[in-house]
Amino acid sequence: SPQTNTYVTQAFFSADGGVSLGADIFNWFYKQRTIAANRYDL
């Protein structure tokens, strides 16, 4: 049992969830220069 930490005979239902957000901060300026170079190439 999650409440008493003792074994009991019954049914249990559990649910869990999570959300994560990620961004490449260190390569931000590099990507900006790459976009500019690709724009000139176009």
ModelCIF file with pLDDT and N, C-alpha, C, O atoms, coordinates in Angstrom:
data_MODEL
#
_entry.id   MODEL 
#
_entity.id                         1 
_entity.type                       polymer 
_entity.pdbx_number_of_molecules   1 
#
_entity_poly.entity_id                      1 
_entity_poly.type                           'polypeptide(L)' 
_entity_poly.nstd_linkage                   no 
_entity_poly.nstd_monomer                   no 
_entity_poly.pdbx_seq_one_letter_code       SPQTNTYVTQAFFSADGGVSLGADIFNWFYKQRTIAANRYDL 
_entity_poly.pdbx_seq_one_letter_code_can   SPQTNTYVTQAFFSADGGVSLGADIFNWFYKQRTIAANRYDL 
_entity_poly.pdbx_strand_id                 A 
#
loop_
_entity_poly_seq.entity_id 
_entity_poly_seq.num 
_entity_poly_seq.mon_id 
_entity_poly_seq.hetero 
1 1  SER n 
1 2  PRO n 
1 3  GLN n 
1 4  THR n 
1 5  ASN n 
1 6  THR n 
1 7  TYR n 
1 8  VAL n 
1 9  THR n 
1 10 GLN n 
1 11 ALA n 
1 12 PHE n 
1 13 PHE n 
1 14 SER n 
1 15 ALA n 
1 16 ASP n 
1 17 GLY n 
1 18 GLY n 
1 19 VAL n 
1 20 SER n 
1 21 LEU n 
1 22 GLY n 
1 23 ALA n 
1 24 ASP n 
1 25 ILE n 
1 26 PHE n 
1 27 ASN n 
1 28 TRP n 
1 29 PHE n 
1 30 TYR n 
1 31 LYS n 
1 32 GLN n 
1 33 ARG n 
1 34 THR n 
1 35 ILE n 
1 36 ALA n 
1 37 ALA n 
1 38 ASN n 
1 39 ARG n 
1 40 TYR n 
1 41 ASP n 
1 42 LEU n 
#
_struct_asym.id          A 
_struct_asym.entity_id   1 
#
loop_
_ma_qa_metric.id 
_ma_qa_metric.mode 
_ma_qa_metric.name 
_ma_qa_metric.software_group_id 
_ma_qa_metric.type 
1 global pLDDT . pLDDT 
2 local  pLDDT . pLDDT 
#
_ma_qa_metric_global.metric_id      1 
_ma_qa_metric_global.metric_value   75.40 
_ma_qa_metric_global.model_id       1 
_ma_qa_metric_global.ordinal_id     1 
#
loop_
_ma_qa_metric_local.label_asym_id 
_ma_qa_metric_local.label_comp_id 
_ma_qa_metric_local.label_seq_id 
_ma_qa_metric_local.metric_id 
_ma_qa_metric_local.metric_value 
_ma_qa_metric_local.model_id 
_ma_qa_metric_local.ordinal_id 
A SER 1  2 65.00 1 1  
A PRO 2  2 62.00 1 2  
A GLN 3  2 65.00 1 3  
A THR 4  2 68.00 1 4  
A ASN 5  2 68.00 1 5  
A THR 6  2 70.00 1 6  
A TYR 7  2 69.00 1 7  
A VAL 8  2 62.00 1 8  
A THR 9  2 65.00 1 9  
A GLN 10 2 65.00 1 10 
A ALA 11 2 66.00 1 11 
A PHE 12 2 62.00 1 12 
A PHE 13 2 67.00 1 13 
A SER 14 2 66.00 1 14 
A ALA 15 2 70.00 1 15 
A ASP 16 2 74.00 1 16 
A GLY 17 2 69.00 1 17 
A GLY 18 2 72.00 1 18 
A VAL 19 2 70.00 1 19 
A SER 20 2 72.00 1 20 
A LEU 21 2 65.00 1 21 
A GLY 22 2 67.00 1 22 
A ALA 23 2 63.00 1 23 
A ASP 24 2 68.00 1 24 
A ILE 25 2 72.00 1 25 
A PHE 26 2 71.00 1 26 
A ASN 27 2 76.00 1 27 
A TRP 28 2 74.00 1 28 
A PHE 29 2 81.00 1 29 
A TYR 30 2 82.00 1 30 
A LYS 31 2 84.00 1 31 
A GLN 32 2 87.00 1 32 
A ARG 33 2 91.00 1 33 
A THR 34 2 91.00 1 34 
A ILE 35 2 90.00 1 35 
A ALA 36 2 93.00 1 36 
A ALA 37 2 94.00 1 37 
A ASN 38 2 93.00 1 38 
A ARG 39 2 94.00 1 39 
A TYR 40 2 95.00 1 40 
A ASP 41 2 95.00 1 41 
A LEU 42 2 94.00 1 42 
#
loop_
_atom_site.group_PDB 
_atom_site.id 
_atom_site.type_symbol 
_atom_site.label_atom_id 
_atom_site.label_alt_id 
_atom_site.label_comp_id 
_atom_site.label_asym_id 
_atom_site.label_entity_id 
_atom_site.label_seq_id 
_atom_site.pdbx_PDB_ins_code 
_atom_site.Cartn_x 
_atom_site.Cartn_y 
_atom_site.Cartn_z 
_atom_site.occupancy 
_atom_site.B_iso_or_equiv 
_atom_site.pdbx_formal_charge 
_atom_site.auth_seq_id 
_atom_site.auth_comp_id 
_atom_site.auth_asym_id 
_atom_site.auth_atom_id 
_atom_site.pdbx_PDB_model_num 
ATOM 1   N N  . SER A 1 1  ? 0.843  -1.191 0.000   1.00 65.00 ? 1  SER A N  1 
ATOM 2   C CA . SER A 1 1  ? 0.000  0.000  0.000   1.00 65.00 ? 1  SER A CA 1 
ATOM 3   C C  . SER A 1 1  ? 0.879  1.242  0.000   1.00 65.00 ? 1  SER A C  1 
ATOM 4   O O  . SER A 1 1  ? 1.801  1.320  0.813   1.00 65.00 ? 1  SER A O  1 
ATOM 5   N N  . PRO A 1 2  ? 0.639  2.219  -0.874  1.00 62.00 ? 2  PRO A N  1 
ATOM 6   C CA . PRO A 1 2  ? 1.452  3.435  -0.872  1.00 62.00 ? 2  PRO A CA 1 
ATOM 7   C C  . PRO A 1 2  ? 1.232  4.288  0.371   1.00 62.00 ? 2  PRO A C  1 
ATOM 8   O O  . PRO A 1 2  ? 2.066  5.144  0.665   1.00 62.00 ? 2  PRO A O  1 
ATOM 9   N N  . GLN A 1 3  ? 0.123  4.086  1.128   1.00 65.00 ? 3  GLN A N  1 
ATOM 10  C CA . GLN A 1 3  ? -0.119 4.893  2.322   1.00 65.00 ? 3  GLN A CA 1 
ATOM 11  C C  . GLN A 1 3  ? 0.542  4.281  3.566   1.00 65.00 ? 3  GLN A C  1 
ATOM 12  O O  . GLN A 1 3  ? 1.174  4.991  4.348   1.00 65.00 ? 3  GLN A O  1 
ATOM 13  N N  . THR A 1 4  ? 0.393  2.966  3.743   1.00 68.00 ? 4  THR A N  1 
ATOM 14  C CA . THR A 1 4  ? 0.893  2.333  4.978   1.00 68.00 ? 4  THR A CA 1 
ATOM 15  C C  . THR A 1 4  ? 2.157  1.518  4.752   1.00 68.00 ? 4  THR A C  1 
ATOM 16  O O  . THR A 1 4  ? 2.797  1.079  5.708   1.00 68.00 ? 4  THR A O  1 
ATOM 17  N N  . ASN A 1 5  ? 2.514  1.317  3.504   1.00 68.00 ? 5  ASN A N  1 
ATOM 18  C CA . ASN A 1 5  ? 3.698  0.522  3.162   1.00 68.00 ? 5  ASN A CA 1 
ATOM 19  C C  . ASN A 1 5  ? 3.598  -0.911 3.657   1.00 68.00 ? 5  ASN A C  1 
ATOM 20  O O  . ASN A 1 5  ? 4.610  -1.564 3.914   1.00 68.00 ? 5  ASN A O  1 
ATOM 21  N N  . THR A 1 6  ? 2.374  -1.389 3.788   1.00 70.00 ? 6  THR A N  1 
ATOM 22  C CA . THR A 1 6  ? 2.156  -2.779 4.173   1.00 70.00 ? 6  THR A CA 1 
ATOM 23  C C  . THR A 1 6  ? 1.413  -3.473 3.048   1.00 70.00 ? 6  THR A C  1 
ATOM 24  O O  . THR A 1 6  ? 0.735  -2.835 2.243   1.00 70.00 ? 6  THR A O  1 
ATOM 25  N N  . TYR A 1 7  ? 1.550  -4.778 3.006   1.00 69.00 ? 7  TYR A N  1 
ATOM 26  C CA . TYR A 1 7  ? 0.917  -5.535 1.923   1.00 69.00 ? 7  TYR A CA 1 
ATOM 27  C C  . TYR A 1 7  ? -0.569 -5.686 2.204   1.00 69.00 ? 7  TYR A C  1 
ATOM 28  O O  . TYR A 1 7  ? -0.973 -6.110 3.286   1.00 69.00 ? 7  TYR A O  1 
ATOM 29  N N  . VAL A 1 8  ? -1.346 -5.343 1.243   1.00 62.00 ? 8  VAL A N  1 
ATOM 30  C CA . VAL A 1 8  ? -2.797 -5.489 1.327   1.00 62.00 ? 8  VAL A CA 1 
ATOM 31  C C  . VAL A 1 8  ? -3.266 -6.122 0.022   1.00 62.00 ? 8  VAL A C  1 
ATOM 32  O O  . VAL A 1 8  ? -2.567 -6.112 -0.991  1.00 62.00 ? 8  VAL A O  1 
ATOM 33  N N  . THR A 1 9  ? -4.476 -6.674 0.084   1.00 65.00 ? 9  THR A N  1 
ATOM 34  C CA . THR A 1 9  ? -5.043 -7.304 -1.108  1.00 65.00 ? 9  THR A CA 1 
ATOM 35  C C  . THR A 1 9  ? -6.119 -6.394 -1.656  1.00 65.00 ? 9  THR A C  1 
ATOM 36  O O  . THR A 1 9  ? -7.225 -6.343 -1.118  1.00 65.00 ? 9  THR A O  1 
ATOM 37  N N  . GLN A 1 10 ? -5.815 -5.693 -2.693  1.00 65.00 ? 10 GLN A N  1 
ATOM 38  C CA . GLN A 1 10 ? -6.763 -4.809 -3.357  1.00 65.00 ? 10 GLN A CA 1 
ATOM 39  C C  . GLN A 1 10 ? -6.177 -4.374 -4.713  1.00 65.00 ? 10 GLN A C  1 
ATOM 40  O O  . GLN A 1 10 ? -5.049 -4.733 -5.052  1.00 65.00 ? 10 GLN A O  1 
ATOM 41  N N  . ALA A 1 11 ? -6.944 -3.611 -5.468  1.00 66.00 ? 11 ALA A N  1 
ATOM 42  C CA . ALA A 1 11 ? -6.508 -3.143 -6.786  1.00 66.00 ? 11 ALA A CA 1 
ATOM 43  C C  . ALA A 1 11 ? -5.977 -1.723 -6.675  1.00 66.00 ? 11 ALA A C  1 
ATOM 44  O O  . ALA A 1 11 ? -6.504 -0.896 -5.931  1.00 66.00 ? 11 ALA A O  1 
ATOM 45  N N  . PHE A 1 12 ? -4.926 -1.464 -7.432  1.00 62.00 ? 12 PHE A N  1 
ATOM 46  C CA . PHE A 1 12 ? -4.314 -0.129 -7.439  1.00 62.00 ? 12 PHE A CA 1 
ATOM 47  C C  . PHE A 1 12 ? -4.245 0.387  -8.895  1.00 62.00 ? 12 PHE A C  1 
ATOM 48  O O  . PHE A 1 12 ? -3.983 -0.382 -9.819  1.00 62.00 ? 12 PHE A O  1 
ATOM 49  N N  . PHE A 1 13 ? -4.478 1.661  -9.076  1.00 67.00 ? 13 PHE A N  1 
ATOM 50  C CA . PHE A 1 13 ? -4.325 2.332  -10.378 1.00 67.00 ? 13 PHE A CA 1 
ATOM 51  C C  . PHE A 1 13 ? -3.362 3.498  -10.204 1.00 67.00 ? 13 PHE A C  1 
ATOM 52  O O  . PHE A 1 13 ? -3.523 4.321  -9.302  1.00 67.00 ? 13 PHE A O  1 
ATOM 53  N N  . SER A 1 14 ? -2.368 3.560  -11.068 1.00 66.00 ? 14 SER A N  1 
ATOM 54  C CA . SER A 1 14 ? -1.367 4.629  -10.982 1.00 66.00 ? 14 SER A CA 1 
ATOM 55  C C  . SER A 1 14 ? -1.233 5.318  -12.336 1.00 66.00 ? 14 SER A C  1 
ATOM 56  O O  . SER A 1 14 ? -1.370 4.684  -13.382 1.00 66.00 ? 14 SER A O  1 
ATOM 57  N N  . ALA A 1 15 ? -0.966 6.610  -12.306 1.00 70.00 ? 15 ALA A N  1 
ATOM 58  C CA . ALA A 1 15 ? -0.792 7.407  -13.524 1.00 70.00 ? 15 ALA A CA 1 
ATOM 59  C C  . ALA A 1 15 ? 0.324  8.418  -13.290 1.00 70.00 ? 15 ALA A C  1 
ATOM 60  O O  . ALA A 1 15 ? 0.516  8.906  -12.177 1.00 70.00 ? 15 ALA A O  1 
ATOM 61  N N  . ASP A 1 16 ? 1.059  8.723  -14.366 1.00 74.00 ? 16 ASP A N  1 
ATOM 62  C CA . ASP A 1 16 ? 2.176  9.662  -14.281 1.00 74.00 ? 16 ASP A CA 1 
ATOM 63  C C  . ASP A 1 16 ? 2.318  10.388 -15.626 1.00 74.00 ? 16 ASP A C  1 
ATOM 64  O O  . ASP A 1 16 ? 1.939  9.848  -16.665 1.00 74.00 ? 16 ASP A O  1 
ATOM 65  N N  . GLY A 1 17 ? 2.849  11.578 -15.606 1.00 69.00 ? 17 GLY A N  1 
ATOM 66  C CA . GLY A 1 17 ? 3.044  12.346 -16.827 1.00 69.00 ? 17 GLY A CA 1 
ATOM 67  C C  . GLY A 1 17 ? 4.130  13.393 -16.658 1.00 69.00 ? 17 GLY A C  1 
ATOM 68  O O  . GLY A 1 17 ? 4.524  13.733 -15.542 1.00 69.00 ? 17 GLY A O  1 
ATOM 69  N N  . GLY A 1 18 ? 4.612  13.903 -17.803 1.00 72.00 ? 18 GLY A N  1 
ATOM 70  C CA . GLY A 1 18 ? 5.660  14.914 -17.740 1.00 72.00 ? 18 GLY A CA 1 
ATOM 71  C C  . GLY A 1 18 ? 5.800  15.650 -19.074 1.00 72.00 ? 18 GLY A C  1 
ATOM 72  O O  . GLY A 1 18 ? 5.481  15.110 -20.134 1.00 72.00 ? 18 GLY A O  1 
ATOM 73  N N  . VAL A 1 19 ? 6.274  16.867 -19.002 1.00 70.00 ? 19 VAL A N  1 
ATOM 74  C CA . VAL A 1 19 ? 6.522  17.703 -20.180 1.00 70.00 ? 19 VAL A CA 1 
ATOM 75  C C  . VAL A 1 19 ? 7.905  18.308 -20.063 1.00 70.00 ? 19 VAL A C  1 
ATOM 76  O O  . VAL A 1 19 ? 8.298  18.777 -18.994 1.00 70.00 ? 19 VAL A O  1 
ATOM 77  N N  . SER A 1 20 ? 8.659  18.298 -21.185 1.00 72.00 ? 20 SER A N  1 
ATOM 78  C CA . SER A 1 20 ? 10.008 18.879 -21.176 1.00 72.00 ? 20 SER A CA 1 
ATOM 79  C C  . SER A 1 20 ? 10.172 19.789 -22.383 1.00 72.00 ? 20 SER A C  1 
ATOM 80  O O  . SER A 1 20 ? 9.697  19.475 -23.475 1.00 72.00 ? 20 SER A O  1 
ATOM 81  N N  . LEU A 1 21 ? 10.843 20.915 -22.186 1.00 65.00 ? 21 LEU A N  1 
ATOM 82  C CA . LEU A 1 21 ? 11.112 21.902 -23.224 1.00 65.00 ? 21 LEU A CA 1 
ATOM 83  C C  . LEU A 1 21 ? 12.617 22.107 -23.319 1.00 65.00 ? 21 LEU A C  1 
ATOM 84  O O  . LEU A 1 21 ? 13.285 22.362 -22.317 1.00 65.00 ? 21 LEU A O  1 
ATOM 85  N N  . GLY A 1 22 ? 13.142 21.994 -24.538 1.00 67.00 ? 22 GLY A N  1 
ATOM 86  C CA . GLY A 1 22 ? 14.593 22.124 -24.717 1.00 67.00 ? 22 GLY A CA 1 
ATOM 87  C C  . GLY A 1 22 ? 14.936 23.090 -25.830 1.00 67.00 ? 22 GLY A C  1 
ATOM 88  O O  . GLY A 1 22 ? 14.224 23.162 -26.831 1.00 67.00 ? 22 GLY A O  1 
ATOM 89  N N  . ALA A 1 23 ? 16.015 23.832 -25.667 1.00 63.00 ? 23 ALA A N  1 
ATOM 90  C CA . ALA A 1 23 ? 16.503 24.781 -26.680 1.00 63.00 ? 23 ALA A CA 1 
ATOM 91  C C  . ALA A 1 23 ? 18.022 24.785 -26.660 1.00 63.00 ? 23 ALA A C  1 
ATOM 92  O O  . ALA A 1 23 ? 18.646 24.694 -25.603 1.00 63.00 ? 23 ALA A O  1 
ATOM 93  N N  . ASP A 1 24 ? 18.616 24.895 -27.869 1.00 68.00 ? 24 ASP A N  1 
ATOM 94  C CA . ASP A 1 24 ? 20.071 24.928 -28.001 1.00 68.00 ? 24 ASP A CA 1 
ATOM 95  C C  . ASP A 1 24 ? 20.536 26.370 -27.863 1.00 68.00 ? 24 ASP A C  1 
ATOM 96  O O  . ASP A 1 24 ? 20.530 27.127 -28.835 1.00 68.00 ? 24 ASP A O  1 
ATOM 97  N N  . ILE A 1 25 ? 20.939 26.749 -26.653 1.00 72.00 ? 25 ILE A N  1 
ATOM 98  C CA . ILE A 1 25 ? 21.331 28.135 -26.377 1.00 72.00 ? 25 ILE A CA 1 
ATOM 99  C C  . ILE A 1 25 ? 22.759 28.412 -26.820 1.00 72.00 ? 25 ILE A C  1 
ATOM 100 O O  . ILE A 1 25 ? 23.051 29.486 -27.345 1.00 72.00 ? 25 ILE A O  1 
ATOM 101 N N  . PHE A 1 26 ? 23.643 27.456 -26.611 1.00 71.00 ? 26 PHE A N  1 
ATOM 102 C CA . PHE A 1 26 ? 25.059 27.700 -26.887 1.00 71.00 ? 26 PHE A CA 1 
ATOM 103 C C  . PHE A 1 26 ? 25.337 27.874 -28.390 1.00 71.00 ? 26 PHE A C  1 
ATOM 104 O O  . PHE A 1 26 ? 26.247 28.611 -28.771 1.00 71.00 ? 26 PHE A O  1 
ATOM 105 N N  . ASN A 1 27 ? 24.556 27.200 -29.237 1.00 76.00 ? 27 ASN A N  1 
ATOM 106 C CA . ASN A 1 27 ? 24.764 27.293 -30.690 1.00 76.00 ? 27 ASN A CA 1 
ATOM 107 C C  . ASN A 1 27 ? 23.804 28.267 -31.365 1.00 76.00 ? 27 ASN A C  1 
ATOM 108 O O  . ASN A 1 27 ? 23.627 28.213 -32.582 1.00 76.00 ? 27 ASN A O  1 
ATOM 109 N N  . TRP A 1 28 ? 23.191 29.144 -30.602 1.00 74.00 ? 28 TRP A N  1 
ATOM 110 C CA . TRP A 1 28 ? 22.184 30.042 -31.160 1.00 74.00 ? 28 TRP A CA 1 
ATOM 111 C C  . TRP A 1 28 ? 22.787 30.986 -32.196 1.00 74.00 ? 28 TRP A C  1 
ATOM 112 O O  . TRP A 1 28 ? 22.235 31.148 -33.284 1.00 74.00 ? 28 TRP A O  1 
ATOM 113 N N  . PHE A 1 29 ? 23.932 31.617 -31.858 1.00 81.00 ? 29 PHE A N  1 
ATOM 114 C CA . PHE A 1 29 ? 24.568 32.542 -32.796 1.00 81.00 ? 29 PHE A CA 1 
ATOM 115 C C  . PHE A 1 29 ? 25.091 31.814 -34.041 1.00 81.00 ? 29 PHE A C  1 
ATOM 116 O O  . PHE A 1 29 ? 25.046 32.349 -35.149 1.00 81.00 ? 29 PHE A O  1 
ATOM 117 N N  . TYR A 1 30 ? 25.578 30.607 -33.844 1.00 82.00 ? 30 TYR A N  1 
ATOM 118 C CA . TYR A 1 30 ? 26.051 29.812 -34.985 1.00 82.00 ? 30 TYR A CA 1 
ATOM 119 C C  . TYR A 1 30 ? 24.902 29.507 -35.942 1.00 82.00 ? 30 TYR A C  1 
ATOM 120 O O  . TYR A 1 30 ? 25.058 29.581 -37.161 1.00 82.00 ? 30 TYR A O  1 
ATOM 121 N N  . LYS A 1 31 ? 23.748 29.165 -35.374 1.00 84.00 ? 31 LYS A N  1 
ATOM 122 C CA . LYS A 1 31 ? 22.591 28.873 -36.221 1.00 84.00 ? 31 LYS A CA 1 
ATOM 123 C C  . LYS A 1 31 ? 22.099 30.124 -36.943 1.00 84.00 ? 31 LYS A C  1 
ATOM 124 O O  . LYS A 1 31 ? 21.644 30.055 -38.085 1.00 84.00 ? 31 LYS A O  1 
ATOM 125 N N  . GLN A 1 32 ? 22.195 31.273 -36.261 1.00 87.00 ? 32 GLN A N  1 
ATOM 126 C CA . GLN A 1 32 ? 21.796 32.516 -36.909 1.00 87.00 ? 32 GLN A CA 1 
ATOM 127 C C  . GLN A 1 32 ? 22.689 32.821 -38.108 1.00 87.00 ? 32 GLN A C  1 
ATOM 128 O O  . GLN A 1 32 ? 22.195 33.232 -39.158 1.00 87.00 ? 32 GLN A O  1 
ATOM 129 N N  . ARG A 1 33 ? 23.981 32.624 -37.964 1.00 91.00 ? 33 ARG A N  1 
ATOM 130 C CA . ARG A 1 33 ? 24.902 32.848 -39.084 1.00 91.00 ? 33 ARG A CA 1 
ATOM 131 C C  . ARG A 1 33 ? 24.664 31.842 -40.207 1.00 91.00 ? 33 ARG A C  1 
ATOM 132 O O  . ARG A 1 33 ? 24.794 32.170 -41.386 1.00 91.00 ? 33 ARG A O  1 
ATOM 133 N N  . THR A 1 34 ? 24.313 30.614 -39.827 1.00 91.00 ? 34 THR A N  1 
ATOM 134 C CA . THR A 1 34 ? 24.007 29.607 -40.847 1.00 91.00 ? 34 THR A CA 1 
ATOM 135 C C  . THR A 1 34 ? 22.775 29.999 -41.648 1.00 91.00 ? 34 THR A C  1 
ATOM 136 O O  . THR A 1 34 ? 22.743 29.833 -42.868 1.00 91.00 ? 34 THR A O  1 
ATOM 137 N N  . ILE A 1 35 ? 21.754 30.522 -40.959 1.00 90.00 ? 35 ILE A N  1 
ATOM 138 C CA . ILE A 1 35 ? 20.546 30.979 -41.649 1.00 90.00 ? 35 ILE A CA 1 
ATOM 139 C C  . ILE A 1 35 ? 20.882 32.119 -42.606 1.00 90.00 ? 35 ILE A C  1 
ATOM 140 O O  . ILE A 1 35 ? 20.397 32.141 -43.738 1.00 90.00 ? 35 ILE A O  1 
ATOM 141 N N  . ALA A 1 36 ? 21.704 33.061 -42.162 1.00 93.00 ? 36 ALA A N  1 
ATOM 142 C CA . ALA A 1 36 ? 22.078 34.182 -43.028 1.00 93.00 ? 36 ALA A CA 1 
ATOM 143 C C  . ALA A 1 36 ? 22.845 33.697 -44.250 1.00 93.00 ? 36 ALA A C  1 
ATOM 144 O O  . ALA A 1 36 ? 22.609 34.170 -45.362 1.00 93.00 ? 36 ALA A O  1 
ATOM 145 N N  . ALA A 1 37 ? 23.766 32.751 -44.048 1.00 94.00 ? 37 ALA A N  1 
ATOM 146 C CA . ALA A 1 37 ? 24.537 32.211 -45.168 1.00 94.00 ? 37 ALA A CA 1 
ATOM 147 C C  . ALA A 1 37 ? 23.634 31.474 -46.150 1.00 94.00 ? 37 ALA A C  1 
ATOM 148 O O  . ALA A 1 37 ? 23.793 31.604 -47.363 1.00 94.00 ? 37 ALA A O  1 
ATOM 149 N N  . ASN A 1 38 ? 22.695 30.706 -45.629 1.00 93.00 ? 38 ASN A N  1 
ATOM 150 C CA . ASN A 1 38 ? 21.763 29.985 -46.509 1.00 93.00 ? 38 ASN A CA 1 
ATOM 151 C C  . ASN A 1 38 ? 20.836 30.940 -47.262 1.00 93.00 ? 38 ASN A C  1 
ATOM 152 O O  . ASN A 1 38 ? 20.437 30.667 -48.394 1.00 93.00 ? 38 ASN A O  1 
ATOM 153 N N  . ARG A 1 39 ? 20.499 32.062 -46.621 1.00 94.00 ? 39 ARG A N  1 
ATOM 154 C CA . ARG A 1 39 ? 19.660 33.056 -47.298 1.00 94.00 ? 39 ARG A CA 1 
ATOM 155 C C  . ARG A 1 39 ? 20.421 33.702 -48.465 1.00 94.00 ? 39 ARG A C  1 
ATOM 156 O O  . ARG A 1 39 ? 19.858 33.904 -49.541 1.00 94.00 ? 39 ARG A O  1 
ATOM 157 N N  . TYR A 1 40 ? 21.695 34.022 -48.245 1.00 95.00 ? 40 TYR A N  1 
ATOM 158 C CA . TYR A 1 40 ? 22.512 34.572 -49.339 1.00 95.00 ? 40 TYR A CA 1 
ATOM 159 C C  . TYR A 1 40 ? 22.703 33.537 -50.457 1.00 95.00 ? 40 TYR A C  1 
ATOM 160 O O  . TYR A 1 40 ? 22.738 33.882 -51.638 1.00 95.00 ? 40 TYR A O  1 
ATOM 161 N N  . ASP A 1 41 ? 22.822 32.286 -50.068 1.00 95.00 ? 41 ASP A N  1 
ATOM 162 C CA . ASP A 1 41 ? 22.968 31.223 -51.061 1.00 95.00 ? 41 ASP A CA 1 
ATOM 163 C C  . ASP A 1 41 ? 21.708 31.106 -51.924 1.00 95.00 ? 41 ASP A C  1 
ATOM 164 O O  . ASP A 1 41 ? 21.791 30.885 -53.132 1.00 95.00 ? 41 ASP A O  1 
ATOM 165 N N  . LEU A 1 42 ? 20.556 31.256 -51.297 1.00 94.00 ? 42 LEU A N  1 
ATOM 166 C CA . LEU A 1 42 ? 19.293 31.217 -52.039 1.00 94.00 ? 42 LEU A CA 1 
ATOM 167 C C  . LEU A 1 42 ? 19.200 32.395 -53.002 1.00 94.00 ? 42 LEU A C  1 
ATOM 168 O O  . LEU A 1 42 ? 18.205 32.532 -53.715 1.00 94.00 ? 42 LEU A O  1 
#
